[in-house]
Amino acid sequence: MLVRGPDAGLRADRILDEPITIQAAGRAVRTTLSDHFGVLATIGSAGAERAAR
């Protein structure tokens, strides 16, 4: 994603990287929700981003 202008009000957070425990073949296995972590991008006006902080 390309965004023009430094006042775009950008924020990026990793998602799907939290560890979970599942049962496999009768055993508890620790894993993550995805083997390809994602990014949640929030794009808005600079004023709205500052107001949210």
Protein backbone atom coordinates (compact mmCIF):
# COMPACT_ATOMS: atom_id res chain seq x y z
CA MET A 1 0.00 0.00 0.00
CA LEU A 2 1.35 3.43 -0.91
CA VAL A 3 0.10 6.59 0.77
CA ARG A 4 1.07 10.10 -0.28
CA GLY A 5 1.73 12.77 2.31
CA PRO A 6 3.18 12.55 5.83
CA ASP A 7 -0.08 13.80 7.40
CA ALA A 8 -2.08 10.73 6.37
CA GLY A 9 -2.47 9.53 10.00
CA LEU A 10 -1.10 5.99 9.65
CA ARG A 11 -0.99 3.19 12.18
CA ALA A 12 0.11 -0.43 11.70
CA ASP A 13 -0.29 -3.36 14.11
CA ARG A 14 0.67 -7.02 13.73
CA ILE A 15 -2.22 -9.49 13.86
CA LEU A 16 -2.60 -13.28 13.99
CA ASP A 17 0.66 -13.76 15.91
CA GLU A 18 -0.77 -14.56 19.34
CA PRO A 19 0.11 -18.01 20.68
CA ILE A 20 -2.72 -20.51 21.21
CA THR A 21 -2.84 -24.08 22.46
CA ILE A 22 -4.70 -26.73 20.48
CA GLN A 23 -5.23 -30.46 20.93
CA ALA A 24 -3.59 -32.69 18.30
CA ALA A 25 -3.48 -36.48 18.60
CA GLY A 26 -4.45 -36.16 22.26
CA ARG A 27 -1.60 -33.78 23.08
CA ALA A 28 -1.54 -30.04 23.76
CA VAL A 29 0.37 -28.23 21.03
CA ARG A 30 1.32 -24.56 21.22
CA THR A 31 1.05 -22.73 17.88
CA THR A 32 -0.09 -19.40 16.39
CA LEU A 33 -3.26 -18.49 14.51
CA SER A 34 -1.34 -18.13 11.25
CA ASP A 35 2.09 -19.04 9.92
CA HIS A 36 1.99 -15.82 7.87
CA PHE A 37 1.39 -12.98 10.30
CA GLY A 38 -0.69 -10.08 9.07
CA VAL A 39 -0.73 -6.35 9.45
CA LEU A 40 -3.77 -4.28 10.35
CA ALA A 41 -3.33 -0.84 8.77
CA THR A 42 -5.43 2.11 9.87
CA ILE A 43 -5.43 5.14 7.61
CA GLY A 44 -7.17 8.39 8.49
CA SER A 45 -6.69 12.09 8.79
CA ALA A 46 -3.84 13.31 10.97
CA GLY A 47 -6.26 15.21 13.23
CA ALA A 48 -8.37 12.12 13.89
CA GLU A 49 -5.26 10.04 14.65
CA ARG A 50 -4.00 12.61 17.18
CA ALA A 51 -7.44 12.83 18.82
CA ALA A 52 -7.51 9.03 19.32
CA ARG A 53 -4.27 9.08 21.33
